[in-house]
Amino acid sequence: MTAQARTERYRTKGAGAGLVRVEVLVPPEARAAILKEAARMRRERRSGLSDSLSALYDEAFTRFGGRCLWNMAPPKTIDGLRVVADRLQKNGGMDAWRLAAKILGELDNAA
């Protein structure tokens, strides 16, 4: 496979799918901040979750993984987070139900 074909596959089907290249001029001291923001946006785009939704996903597994989510590993995506919320509501106590309601509220606001 040629380098050009590999690059095209990356941009259309790989990790670069749906992303565009941007070139901007910024002050040298702002370079790190721009790169950090670009990395955050790529991560959010690829996972489908914002930083706040990702934190809720992690919190659900940290607090209730052993009780509610012990036999599953849903992907860290919006659909996976909906599954997590459903399991929290079905198998958890009131604290788990509150976290599920918070997750579903965040998902509704993100849509």
PDB file of N, CA and C in Angstrom:
ATOM      1  N   MET A   1       0.853  -1.167   0.000  1.00  0.00           N
ATOM      2  CA  MET A   1       0.000   0.000   0.000  1.00  0.00           C
ATOM      3  C   MET A   1       0.904   1.236   0.000  1.00  0.00           C
ATOM      4  N   THR A   2       0.561   2.167  -0.831  1.00  0.00           N
ATOM      5  CA  THR A   2       1.369   3.378  -0.933  1.00  0.00           C
ATOM      6  C   THR A   2       1.098   4.301   0.261  1.00  0.00           C
ATOM      7  N   ALA A   3       2.018   5.226   0.483  1.00  0.00           N
ATOM      8  CA  ALA A   3       1.849   6.194   1.571  1.00  0.00           C
ATOM      9  C   ALA A   3       0.607   7.045   1.343  1.00  0.00           C
ATOM     10  N   GLN A   4       0.356   7.390   0.100  1.00  0.00           N
ATOM     11  CA  GLN A   4      -0.821   8.200  -0.220  1.00  0.00           C
ATOM     12  C   GLN A   4      -2.107   7.432   0.084  1.00  0.00           C
ATOM     13  N   ALA A   5      -2.148   6.168  -0.252  1.00  0.00           N
ATOM     14  CA  ALA A   5      -3.332   5.349   0.026  1.00  0.00           C
ATOM     15  C   ALA A   5      -3.530   5.177   1.530  1.00  0.00           C
ATOM     16  N   ARG A   6      -2.418   4.991   2.272  1.00  0.00           N
ATOM     17  CA  ARG A   6      -2.495   4.866   3.723  1.00  0.00           C
ATOM     18  C   ARG A   6      -3.052   6.144   4.354  1.00  0.00           C
ATOM     19  N   THR A   7      -2.570   7.291   3.885  1.00  0.00           N
ATOM     20  CA  THR A   7      -3.039   8.577   4.394  1.00  0.00           C
ATOM     21  C   THR A   7      -4.520   8.763   4.099  1.00  0.00           C
ATOM     22  N   GLU A   8      -4.943   8.413   2.907  1.00  0.00           N
ATOM     23  CA  GLU A   8      -6.357   8.548   2.529  1.00  0.00           C
ATOM     24  C   GLU A   8      -7.236   7.638   3.387  1.00  0.00           C
ATOM     25  N   ARG A   9      -6.782   6.411   3.646  1.00  0.00           N
ATOM     26  CA  ARG A   9      -7.544   5.491   4.489  1.00  0.00           C
ATOM     27  C   ARG A   9      -7.650   6.036   5.911  1.00  0.00           C
ATOM     28  N   TYR A  10      -6.569   6.617   6.443  1.00  0.00           N
ATOM     29  CA  TYR A  10      -6.573   7.217   7.782  1.00  0.00           C
ATOM     30  C   TYR A  10      -7.590   8.344   7.858  1.00  0.00           C
ATOM     31  N   ARG A  11      -7.654   9.167   6.838  1.00  0.00           N
ATOM     32  CA  ARG A  11      -8.554  10.324   6.843  1.00  0.00           C
ATOM     33  C   ARG A  11     -10.020   9.954   6.627  1.00  0.00           C
ATOM     34  N   THR A  12     -10.274   8.832   5.956  1.00  0.00           N
ATOM     35  CA  THR A  12     -11.662   8.468   5.661  1.00  0.00           C
ATOM     36  C   THR A  12     -12.226   7.386   6.577  1.00  0.00           C
ATOM     37  N   LYS A  13     -11.383   6.465   7.036  1.00  0.00           N
ATOM     38  CA  LYS A  13     -11.876   5.345   7.831  1.00  0.00           C
ATOM     39  C   LYS A  13     -11.169   5.183   9.162  1.00  0.00           C
ATOM     40  N   GLY A  14     -10.017   5.762   9.314  1.00  0.00           N
ATOM     41  CA  GLY A  14      -9.224   5.569  10.524  1.00  0.00           C
ATOM     42  C   GLY A  14      -9.497   6.611  11.583  1.00  0.00           C
ATOM     43  N   ALA A  15      -8.495   6.847  12.415  1.00  0.00           N
ATOM     44  CA  ALA A  15      -8.634   7.780  13.531  1.00  0.00           C
ATOM     45  C   ALA A  15      -8.829   9.217  13.065  1.00  0.00           C
ATOM     46  N   GLY A  16      -8.476   9.509  11.825  1.00  0.00           N
ATOM     47  CA  GLY A  16      -8.633  10.867  11.312  1.00  0.00           C
ATOM     48  C   GLY A  16      -9.964  11.124  10.627  1.00  0.00           C
ATOM     49  N   ALA A  17     -10.840  10.127  10.618  1.00  0.00           N
ATOM     50  CA  ALA A  17     -12.139  10.272   9.940  1.00  0.00           C
ATOM     51  C   ALA A  17     -12.959  11.377  10.593  1.00  0.00           C
ATOM     52  N   GLY A  18     -13.484  12.256   9.770  1.00  0.00           N
ATOM     53  CA  GLY A  18     -14.314  13.337  10.269  1.00  0.00           C
ATOM     54  C   GLY A  18     -13.552  14.516  10.833  1.00  0.00           C
ATOM     55  N   LEU A  19     -12.241  14.482  10.753  1.00  0.00           N
ATOM     56  CA  LEU A  19     -11.418  15.570  11.260  1.00  0.00           C
ATOM     57  C   LEU A  19     -10.796  16.331  10.099  1.00  0.00           C
ATOM     58  N   VAL A  20     -10.472  17.584  10.315  1.00  0.00           N
ATOM     59  CA  VAL A  20      -9.826  18.400   9.289  1.00  0.00           C
ATOM     60  C   VAL A  20      -8.531  18.965   9.833  1.00  0.00           C
ATOM     61  N   ARG A  21      -7.616  19.199   8.940  1.00  0.00           N
ATOM     62  CA  ARG A  21      -6.342  19.793   9.316  1.00  0.00           C
ATOM     63  C   ARG A  21      -6.516  21.304   9.351  1.00  0.00           C
ATOM     64  N   VAL A  22      -5.969  21.940  10.395  1.00  0.00           N
ATOM     65  CA  VAL A  22      -6.062  23.376  10.566  1.00  0.00           C
ATOM     66  C   VAL A  22      -4.662  23.919  10.835  1.00  0.00           C
ATOM     67  N   GLU A  23      -4.353  24.988  10.166  1.00  0.00           N
ATOM     68  CA  GLU A  23      -3.064  25.643  10.403  1.00  0.00           C
ATOM     69  C   GLU A  23      -3.347  27.090  10.777  1.00  0.00           C
ATOM     70  N   VAL A  24      -2.867  27.488  11.935  1.00  0.00           N
ATOM     71  CA  VAL A  24      -3.079  28.846  12.409  1.00  0.00           C
ATOM     72  C   VAL A  24      -1.767  29.391  12.964  1.00  0.00           C
ATOM     73  N   LEU A  25      -1.660  30.688  12.975  1.00  0.00           N
ATOM     74  CA  LEU A  25      -0.508  31.335  13.584  1.00  0.00           C
ATOM     75  C   LEU A  25      -0.899  31.849  14.960  1.00  0.00           C
ATOM     76  N   VAL A  26      -0.149  31.447  15.963  1.00  0.00           N
ATOM     77  CA  VAL A  26      -0.410  31.864  17.336  1.00  0.00           C
ATOM     78  C   VAL A  26       0.904  32.310  17.970  1.00  0.00           C
ATOM     79  N   PRO A  27       0.835  33.095  19.021  1.00  0.00           N
ATOM     80  CA  PRO A  27       2.061  33.463  19.730  1.00  0.00           C
ATOM     81  C   PRO A  27       2.736  32.221  20.294  1.00  0.00           C
ATOM     82  N   PRO A  28       4.041  32.205  20.364  1.00  0.00           N
ATOM     83  CA  PRO A  28       4.759  31.017  20.851  1.00  0.00           C
ATOM     84  C   PRO A  28       4.283  30.532  22.219  1.00  0.00           C
ATOM     85  N   GLU A  29       3.952  31.452  23.110  1.00  0.00           N
ATOM     86  CA  GLU A  29       3.533  31.040  24.453  1.00  0.00           C
ATOM     87  C   GLU A  29       2.146  30.389  24.462  1.00  0.00           C
ATOM     88  N   ALA A  30       1.375  30.539  23.395  1.00  0.00           N
ATOM     89  CA  ALA A  30       0.036  29.947  23.318  1.00  0.00           C
ATOM     90  C   ALA A  30       0.039  28.593  22.630  1.00  0.00           C
ATOM     91  N   ARG A  31       1.165  28.179  22.075  1.00  0.00           N
ATOM     92  CA  ARG A  31       1.229  26.929  21.316  1.00  0.00           C
ATOM     93  C   ARG A  31       0.782  25.721  22.143  1.00  0.00           C
ATOM     94  N   ALA A  32       1.283  25.615  23.356  1.00  0.00           N
ATOM     95  CA  ALA A  32       0.941  24.465  24.198  1.00  0.00           C
ATOM     96  C   ALA A  32      -0.555  24.429  24.501  1.00  0.00           C
ATOM     97  N   ALA A  33      -1.150  25.582  24.744  1.00  0.00           N
ATOM     98  CA  ALA A  33      -2.585  25.634  25.038  1.00  0.00           C
ATOM     99  C   ALA A  33      -3.407  25.215  23.826  1.00  0.00           C
ATOM    100  N   ILE A  34      -2.990  25.637  22.643  1.00  0.00           N
ATOM    101  CA  ILE A  34      -3.710  25.262  21.417  1.00  0.00           C
ATOM    102  C   ILE A  34      -3.601  23.759  21.178  1.00  0.00           C
ATOM    103  N   LEU A  35      -2.411  23.200  21.357  1.00  0.00           N
ATOM    104  CA  LEU A  35      -2.228  21.756  21.167  1.00  0.00           C
ATOM    105  C   LEU A  35      -3.038  20.957  22.182  1.00  0.00           C
ATOM    106  N   LYS A  36      -3.084  21.436  23.418  1.00  0.00           N
ATOM    107  CA  LYS A  36      -3.861  20.752  24.453  1.00  0.00           C
ATOM    108  C   LYS A  36      -5.351  20.784  24.119  1.00  0.00           C
ATOM    109  N   GLU A  37      -5.843  21.922  23.657  1.00  0.00           N
ATOM    110  CA  GLU A  37      -7.264  22.040  23.292  1.00  0.00           C
ATOM    111  C   GLU A  37      -7.586  21.155  22.083  1.00  0.00           C
ATOM    112  N   ALA A  38      -6.693  21.114  21.109  1.00  0.00           N
ATOM    113  CA  ALA A  38      -6.905  20.259  19.936  1.00  0.00           C
ATOM    114  C   ALA A  38      -6.943  18.787  20.347  1.00  0.00           C
ATOM    115  N   ALA A  39      -6.066  18.382  21.255  1.00  0.00           N
ATOM    116  CA  ALA A  39      -6.064  16.994  21.735  1.00  0.00           C
ATOM    117  C   ALA A  39      -7.357  16.677  22.467  1.00  0.00           C
ATOM    118  N   ARG A  40      -7.860  17.615  23.268  1.00  0.00           N
ATOM    119  CA  ARG A  40      -9.118  17.417  23.983  1.00  0.00           C
ATOM    120  C   ARG A  40     -10.280  17.249  23.000  1.00  0.00           C
ATOM    121  N   MET A  41     -10.301  18.083  21.968  1.00  0.00           N
ATOM    122  CA  MET A  41     -11.388  18.006  20.984  1.00  0.00           C
ATOM    123  C   MET A  41     -11.328  16.701  20.195  1.00  0.00           C
ATOM    124  N   ARG A  42     -10.129  16.239  19.838  1.00  0.00           N
ATOM    125  CA  ARG A  42     -10.008  14.948  19.138  1.00  0.00           C
ATOM    126  C   ARG A  42     -10.491  13.816  20.031  1.00  0.00           C
ATOM    127  N   ARG A  43     -10.071  13.837  21.291  1.00  0.00           N
ATOM    128  CA  ARG A  43     -10.465  12.799  22.237  1.00  0.00           C
ATOM    129  C   ARG A  43     -11.987  12.780  22.412  1.00  0.00           C
ATOM    130  N   GLU A  44     -12.582  13.955  22.548  1.00  0.00           N
ATOM    131  CA  GLU A  44     -14.035  14.060  22.696  1.00  0.00           C
ATOM    132  C   GLU A  44     -14.748  13.563  21.457  1.00  0.00           C
ATOM    133  N   ARG A  45     -14.248  13.926  20.301  1.00  0.00           N
ATOM    134  CA  ARG A  45     -14.865  13.515  19.037  1.00  0.00           C
ATOM    135  C   ARG A  45     -14.807  12.002  18.876  1.00  0.00           C
ATOM    136  N   ARG A  46     -13.656  11.419  19.202  1.00  0.00           N
ATOM    137  CA  ARG A  46     -13.484   9.982  19.012  1.00  0.00           C
ATOM    138  C   ARG A  46     -14.286   9.170  20.016  1.00  0.00           C
ATOM    139  N   SER A  47     -14.381   9.655  21.238  1.00  0.00           N
ATOM    140  CA  SER A  47     -15.110   8.895  22.244  1.00  0.00           C
ATOM    141  C   SER A  47     -16.593   9.209  22.223  1.00  0.00           C
ATOM    142  N   GLY A  48     -16.940  10.372  21.692  1.00  0.00           N
ATOM    143  CA  GLY A  48     -18.332  10.778  21.704  1.00  0.00           C
ATOM    144  C   GLY A  48     -18.754  11.365  23.029  1.00  0.00           C
ATOM    145  N   LEU A  49     -17.836  11.460  23.992  1.00  0.00           N
ATOM    146  CA  LEU A  49     -18.168  11.986  25.299  1.00  0.00           C
ATOM    147  C   LEU A  49     -17.369  13.248  25.591  1.00  0.00           C
ATOM    148  N   SER A  50     -18.030  14.207  26.184  1.00  0.00           N
ATOM    149  CA  SER A  50     -17.332  15.398  26.649  1.00  0.00           C
ATOM    150  C   SER A  50     -16.559  15.036  27.916  1.00  0.00           C
ATOM    151  N   ASP A  51     -15.759  15.958  28.392  1.00  0.00           N
ATOM    152  CA  ASP A  51     -14.995  15.699  29.614  1.00  0.00           C
ATOM    153  C   ASP A  51     -15.917  15.434  30.804  1.00  0.00           C
ATOM    154  N   SER A  52     -17.023  16.177  30.887  1.00  0.00           N
ATOM    155  CA  SER A  52     -17.934  15.987  32.018  1.00  0.00           C
ATOM    156  C   SER A  52     -18.642  14.631  31.934  1.00  0.00           C
ATOM    157  N   LEU A  53     -19.033  14.214  30.734  1.00  0.00           N
ATOM    158  CA  LEU A  53     -19.673  12.903  30.576  1.00  0.00           C
ATOM    159  C   LEU A  53     -18.680  11.779  30.835  1.00  0.00           C
ATOM    160  N   SER A  54     -17.450  11.977  30.395  1.00  0.00           N
ATOM    161  CA  SER A  54     -16.411  10.983  30.645  1.00  0.00           C
ATOM    162  C   SER A  54     -16.170  10.832  32.146  1.00  0.00           C
ATOM    163  N   ALA A  55     -16.186  11.956  32.868  1.00  0.00           N
ATOM    164  CA  ALA A  55     -16.006  11.909  34.316  1.00  0.00           C
ATOM    165  C   ALA A  55     -17.160  11.170  34.990  1.00  0.00           C
ATOM    166  N   LEU A  56     -18.382  11.358  34.503  1.00  0.00           N
ATOM    167  CA  LEU A  56     -19.529  10.641  35.055  1.00  0.00           C
ATOM    168  C   LEU A  56     -19.426   9.139  34.795  1.00  0.00           C
ATOM    169  N   TYR A  57     -18.955   8.767  33.620  1.00  0.00           N
ATOM    170  CA  TYR A  57     -18.736   7.356  33.281  1.00  0.00           C
ATOM    171  C   TYR A  57     -17.746   6.742  34.271  1.00  0.00           C
ATOM    172  N   ASP A  58     -16.627   7.447  34.477  1.00  0.00           N
ATOM    173  CA  ASP A  58     -15.603   6.953  35.403  1.00  0.00           C
ATOM    174  C   ASP A  58     -16.142   6.865  36.830  1.00  0.00           C
ATOM    175  N   GLU A  59     -16.913   7.866  37.230  1.00  0.00           N
ATOM    176  CA  GLU A  59     -17.501   7.866  38.584  1.00  0.00           C
ATOM    177  C   GLU A  59     -18.433   6.678  38.772  1.00  0.00           C
ATOM    178  N   ALA A  60     -19.228   6.369  37.768  1.00  0.00           N
ATOM    179  CA  ALA A  60     -20.152   5.236  37.866  1.00  0.00           C
ATOM    180  C   ALA A  60     -19.391   3.937  38.116  1.00  0.00           C
ATOM    181  N   PHE A  61     -18.301   3.738  37.403  1.00  0.00           N
ATOM    182  CA  PHE A  61     -17.541   2.503  37.587  1.00  0.00           C
ATOM    183  C   PHE A  61     -16.772   2.499  38.897  1.00  0.00           C
ATOM    184  N   THR A  62     -16.299   3.666  39.320  1.00  0.00           N
ATOM    185  CA  THR A  62     -15.566   3.739  40.580  1.00  0.00           C
ATOM    186  C   THR A  62     -16.488   3.464  41.765  1.00  0.00           C
ATOM    187  N   ARG A  63     -17.641   4.113  41.772  1.00  0.00           N
ATOM    188  CA  ARG A  63     -18.541   4.004  42.917  1.00  0.00           C
ATOM    189  C   ARG A  63     -19.420   2.756  42.893  1.00  0.00           C
ATOM    190  N   PHE A  64     -19.877   2.347  41.717  1.00  0.00           N
ATOM    191  CA  PHE A  64     -20.887   1.293  41.651  1.00  0.00           C
ATOM    192  C   PHE A  64     -20.497   0.122  40.746  1.00  0.00           C
ATOM    193  N   GLY A  65     -19.252   0.062  40.323  1.00  0.00           N
ATOM    194  CA  GLY A  65     -18.831  -1.004  39.414  1.00  0.00           C
ATOM    195  C   GLY A  65     -19.054  -2.389  39.971  1.00  0.00           C
ATOM    196  N   GLY A  66     -18.684  -2.600  41.230  1.00  0.00           N
ATOM    197  CA  GLY A  66     -18.827  -3.916  41.838  1.00  0.00           C
ATOM    198  C   GLY A  66     -20.265  -4.319  42.092  1.00  0.00           C
ATOM    199  N   ARG A  67     -21.128  -3.354  42.304  1.00  0.00           N
ATOM    200  CA  ARG A  67     -22.519  -3.659  42.650  1.00  0.00           C
ATOM    201  C   ARG A  67     -23.430  -3.687  41.429  1.00  0.00           C
ATOM    202  N   CYS A  68     -23.230  -2.753  40.497  1.00  0.00           N
ATOM    203  CA  CYS A  68     -24.183  -2.598  39.384  1.00  0.00           C
ATOM    204  C   CYS A  68     -23.610  -2.966  38.018  1.00  0.00           C
ATOM    205  N   LEU A  69     -22.310  -2.847  37.864  1.00  0.00           N
ATOM    206  CA  LEU A  69     -21.713  -2.963  36.532  1.00  0.00           C
ATOM    207  C   LEU A  69     -20.659  -4.065  36.465  1.00  0.00           C
ATOM    208  N   TRP A  70     -20.708  -5.002  37.377  1.00  0.00           N
ATOM    209  CA  TRP A  70     -19.657  -5.992  37.523  1.00  0.00           C
ATOM    210  C   TRP A  70     -19.486  -6.906  36.321  1.00  0.00           C
ATOM    211  N   ASN A  71     -20.526  -7.151  35.556  1.00  0.00           N
ATOM    212  CA  ASN A  71     -20.433  -8.123  34.458  1.00  0.00           C
ATOM    213  C   ASN A  71     -20.471  -7.471  33.080  1.00  0.00           C
ATOM    214  N   MET A  72     -20.116  -6.195  33.009  1.00  0.00           N
ATOM    215  CA  MET A  72     -20.203  -5.520  31.718  1.00  0.00           C
ATOM    216  C   MET A  72     -19.063  -4.534  31.557  1.00  0.00           C
ATOM    217  N   ALA A  73     -18.802  -4.193  30.317  1.00  0.00           N
ATOM    218  CA  ALA A  73     -17.800  -3.181  29.991  1.00  0.00           C
ATOM    219  C   ALA A  73     -18.286  -2.424  28.761  1.00  0.00           C
ATOM    220  N   PRO A  74     -19.321  -1.587  28.934  1.00  0.00           N
ATOM    221  CA  PRO A  74     -19.822  -0.857  27.773  1.00  0.00           C
ATOM    222  C   PRO A  74     -18.783   0.126  27.269  1.00  0.00           C
ATOM    223  N   PRO A  75     -18.792   0.411  25.990  1.00  0.00           N
ATOM    224  CA  PRO A  75     -17.807   1.354  25.454  1.00  0.00           C
ATOM    225  C   PRO A  75     -18.022   2.742  26.038  1.00  0.00           C
ATOM    226  N   LYS A  76     -16.970   3.516  26.063  1.00  0.00           N
ATOM    227  CA  LYS A  76     -17.042   4.871  26.604  1.00  0.00           C
ATOM    228  C   LYS A  76     -17.578   5.800  25.520  1.00  0.00           C
ATOM    229  N   THR A  77     -18.851   5.589  25.221  1.00  0.00           N
ATOM    230  CA  THR A  77     -19.561   6.372  24.215  1.00  0.00           C
ATOM    231  C   THR A  77     -20.897   6.808  24.801  1.00  0.00           C
ATOM    232  N   ILE A  78     -21.637   7.584  24.042  1.00  0.00           N
ATOM    233  CA  ILE A  78     -22.944   8.024  24.514  1.00  0.00           C
ATOM    234  C   ILE A  78     -23.873   6.823  24.720  1.00  0.00           C
ATOM    235  N   ASP A  79     -23.890   5.890  23.782  1.00  0.00           N
ATOM    236  CA  ASP A  79     -24.731   4.701  23.936  1.00  0.00           C
ATOM    237  C   ASP A  79     -24.292   3.861  25.127  1.00  0.00           C
ATOM    238  N   GLY A  80     -22.984   3.726  25.309  1.00  0.00           N
ATOM    239  CA  GLY A  80     -22.469   2.988  26.456  1.00  0.00           C
ATOM    240  C   GLY A  80     -22.853   3.641  27.771  1.00  0.00           C
ATOM    241  N   LEU A  81     -22.849   4.971  27.798  1.00  0.00           N
ATOM    242  CA  LEU A  81     -23.230   5.696  29.004  1.00  0.00           C
ATOM    243  C   LEU A  81     -24.717   5.525  29.306  1.00  0.00           C
ATOM    244  N   ARG A  82     -25.530   5.419  28.264  1.00  0.00           N
ATOM    245  CA  ARG A  82     -26.959   5.146  28.482  1.00  0.00           C
ATOM    246  C   ARG A  82     -27.159   3.760  29.106  1.00  0.00           C
ATOM    247  N   VAL A  83     -26.367   2.789  28.677  1.00  0.00           N
ATOM    248  CA  VAL A  83     -26.430   1.447  29.263  1.00  0.00           C
ATOM    249  C   VAL A  83     -26.017   1.500  30.729  1.00  0.00           C
ATOM    250  N   VAL A  84     -24.966   2.246  31.023  1.00  0.00           N
ATOM    251  CA  VAL A  84     -24.511   2.393  32.407  1.00  0.00           C
ATOM    252  C   VAL A  84     -25.616   2.989  33.265  1.00  0.00           C
ATOM    253  N   ALA A  85     -26.260   4.049  32.782  1.00  0.00           N
ATOM    254  CA  ALA A  85     -27.341   4.693  33.536  1.00  0.00           C
ATOM    255  C   ALA A  85     -28.492   3.713  33.778  1.00  0.00           C
ATOM    256  N   ASP A  86     -28.824   2.934  32.769  1.00  0.00           N
ATOM    257  CA  ASP A  86     -29.898   1.953  32.915  1.00  0.00           C
ATOM    258  C   ASP A  86     -29.557   0.926  33.992  1.00  0.00           C
ATOM    259  N   ARG A  87     -28.331   0.431  33.978  1.00  0.00           N
ATOM    260  CA  ARG A  87     -27.914  -0.561  34.979  1.00  0.00           C
ATOM    261  C   ARG A  87     -27.865   0.035  36.380  1.00  0.00           C
ATOM    262  N   LEU A  88     -27.451   1.292  36.483  1.00  0.00           N
ATOM    263  CA  LEU A  88     -27.440   1.950  37.787  1.00  0.00           C
ATOM    264  C   LEU A  88     -28.856   2.043  38.346  1.00  0.00           C
ATOM    265  N   GLN A  89     -29.813   2.376  37.493  1.00  0.00           N
ATOM    266  CA  GLN A  89     -31.198   2.497  37.946  1.00  0.00           C
ATOM    267  C   GLN A  89     -31.789   1.141  38.330  1.00  0.00           C
ATOM    268  N   LYS A  90     -31.449   0.112  37.581  1.00  0.00           N
ATOM    269  CA  LYS A  90     -32.030  -1.208  37.843  1.00  0.00           C
ATOM    270  C   LYS A  90     -31.380  -1.926  39.023  1.00  0.00           C
ATOM    271  N   ASN A  91     -30.072  -1.788  39.180  1.00  0.00           N
ATOM    272  CA  ASN A  91     -29.352  -2.620  40.149  1.00  0.00           C
ATOM    273  C   ASN A  91     -28.796  -1.872  41.352  1.00  0.00           C
ATOM    274  N   GLY A  92     -28.912  -0.565  41.361  1.00  0.00           N
ATOM    275  CA  GLY A  92     -28.322   0.194  42.451  1.00  0.00           C
ATOM    276  C   GLY A  92     -29.346   0.715  43.425  1.00  0.00           C
ATOM    277  N   GLY A  93     -28.831   1.312  44.481  1.00  0.00           N
ATOM    278  CA  GLY A  93     -29.692   1.948  45.465  1.00  0.00           C
ATOM    279  C   GLY A  93     -30.009   3.382  45.049  1.00  0.00           C
ATOM    280  N   MET A  94     -30.399   4.176  46.015  1.00  0.00           N
ATOM    281  CA  MET A  94     -30.794   5.553  45.733  1.00  0.00           C
ATOM    282  C   MET A  94     -29.625   6.391  45.220  1.00  0.00           C
ATOM    283  N   ASP A  95     -28.432   6.191  45.760  1.00  0.00           N
ATOM    284  CA  ASP A  95     -27.270   6.953  45.285  1.00  0.00           C
ATOM    285  C   ASP A  95     -26.963   6.632  43.826  1.00  0.00           C
ATOM    286  N   ALA A  96     -27.064   5.358  43.468  1.00  0.00           N
ATOM    287  CA  ALA A  96     -26.835   4.965  42.080  1.00  0.00           C
ATOM    288  C   ALA A  96     -27.919   5.548  41.176  1.00  0.00           C
ATOM    289  N   TRP A  97     -29.141   5.550  41.663  1.00  0.00           N
ATOM    290  CA  TRP A  97     -30.241   6.107  40.878  1.00  0.00           C
ATOM    291  C   TRP A  97     -30.029   7.602  40.649  1.00  0.00           C
ATOM    292  N   ARG A  98     -29.547   8.321  41.667  1.00  0.00           N
ATOM    293  CA  ARG A  98     -29.275   9.757  41.515  1.00  0.00           C
ATOM    294  C   ARG A  98     -28.182  10.004  40.483  1.00  0.00           C
ATOM    295  N   LEU A  99     -27.128   9.180  40.514  1.00  0.00           N
ATOM    296  CA  LEU A  99     -26.064   9.328  39.528  1.00  0.00           C
ATOM    297  C   LEU A  99     -26.604   9.037  38.131  1.00  0.00           C
ATOM    298  N   ALA A 100     -27.450   8.043  37.995  1.00  0.00           N
ATOM    299  CA  ALA A 100     -28.052   7.727  36.697  1.00  0.00           C
ATOM    300  C   ALA A 100     -28.886   8.893  36.190  1.00  0.00           C
ATOM    301  N   ALA A 101     -29.643   9.520  37.080  1.00  0.00           N
ATOM    302  CA  ALA A 101     -30.449  10.678  36.686  1.00  0.00           C
ATOM    303  C   ALA A 101     -29.550  11.836  36.246  1.00  0.00           C
ATOM    304  N   LYS A 102     -28.435  12.019  36.935  1.00  0.00           N
ATOM    305  CA  LYS A 102     -27.489  13.066  36.555  1.00  0.00           C
ATOM    306  C   LYS A 102     -26.892  12.778  35.179  1.00  0.00           C
ATOM    307  N   ILE A 103     -26.537  11.514  34.942  1.00  0.00           N
ATOM    308  CA  ILE A 103     -25.982  11.112  33.646  1.00  0.00           C
ATOM    309  C   ILE A 103     -27.001  11.367  32.537  1.00  0.00           C
ATOM    310  N   LEU A 104     -28.233  10.928  32.745  1.00  0.00           N
ATOM    311  CA  LEU A 104     -29.263  11.103  31.712  1.00  0.00           C
ATOM    312  C   LEU A 104     -29.557  12.586  31.470  1.00  0.00           C
ATOM    313  N   GLY A 105     -29.530  13.383  32.529  1.00  0.00           N
ATOM    314  CA  GLY A 105     -29.720  14.827  32.365  1.00  0.00           C
ATOM    315  C   GLY A 105     -28.610  15.462  31.540  1.00  0.00           C
ATOM    316  N   GLU A 106     -27.371  15.059  31.812  1.00  0.00           N
ATOM    317  CA  GLU A 106     -26.229  15.559  31.045  1.00  0.00           C
ATOM    318  C   GLU A 106     -26.323  15.127  29.581  1.00  0.00           C
ATOM    319  N   LEU A 107     -26.762  13.880  29.360  1.00  0.00           N
ATOM    320  CA  LEU A 107     -26.907  13.401  27.981  1.00  0.00           C
ATOM    321  C   LEU A 107     -27.982  14.186  27.242  1.00  0.00           C
ATOM    322  N   ASP A 108     -29.071  14.502  27.921  1.00  0.00           N
ATOM    323  CA  ASP A 108     -30.129  15.295  27.286  1.00  0.00           C
ATOM    324  C   ASP A 108     -29.638  16.699  26.967  1.00  0.00           C
ATOM    325  N   ASN A 109     -28.835  17.266  27.860  1.00  0.00           N
ATOM    326  CA  ASN A 109     -28.300  18.618  27.615  1.00  0.00           C
ATOM    327  C   ASN A 109     -27.265  18.623  26.499  1.00  0.00           C
ATOM    328  N   ALA A 110     -26.552  17.509  26.343  1.00  0.00           N
ATOM    329  CA  ALA A 110     -25.515  17.430  25.310  1.00  0.00           C
ATOM    330  C   ALA A 110     -26.102  17.242  23.925  1.00  0.00           C
ATOM    331  N   ALA A 111     -27.307  16.705  23.855  1.00  0.00           N
ATOM    332  CA  ALA A 111     -27.925  16.422  22.552  1.00  0.00           C
ATOM    333  C   ALA A 111     -28.416  17.662  21.864  1.00  0.00           C
TER     334      ALA A 111
END
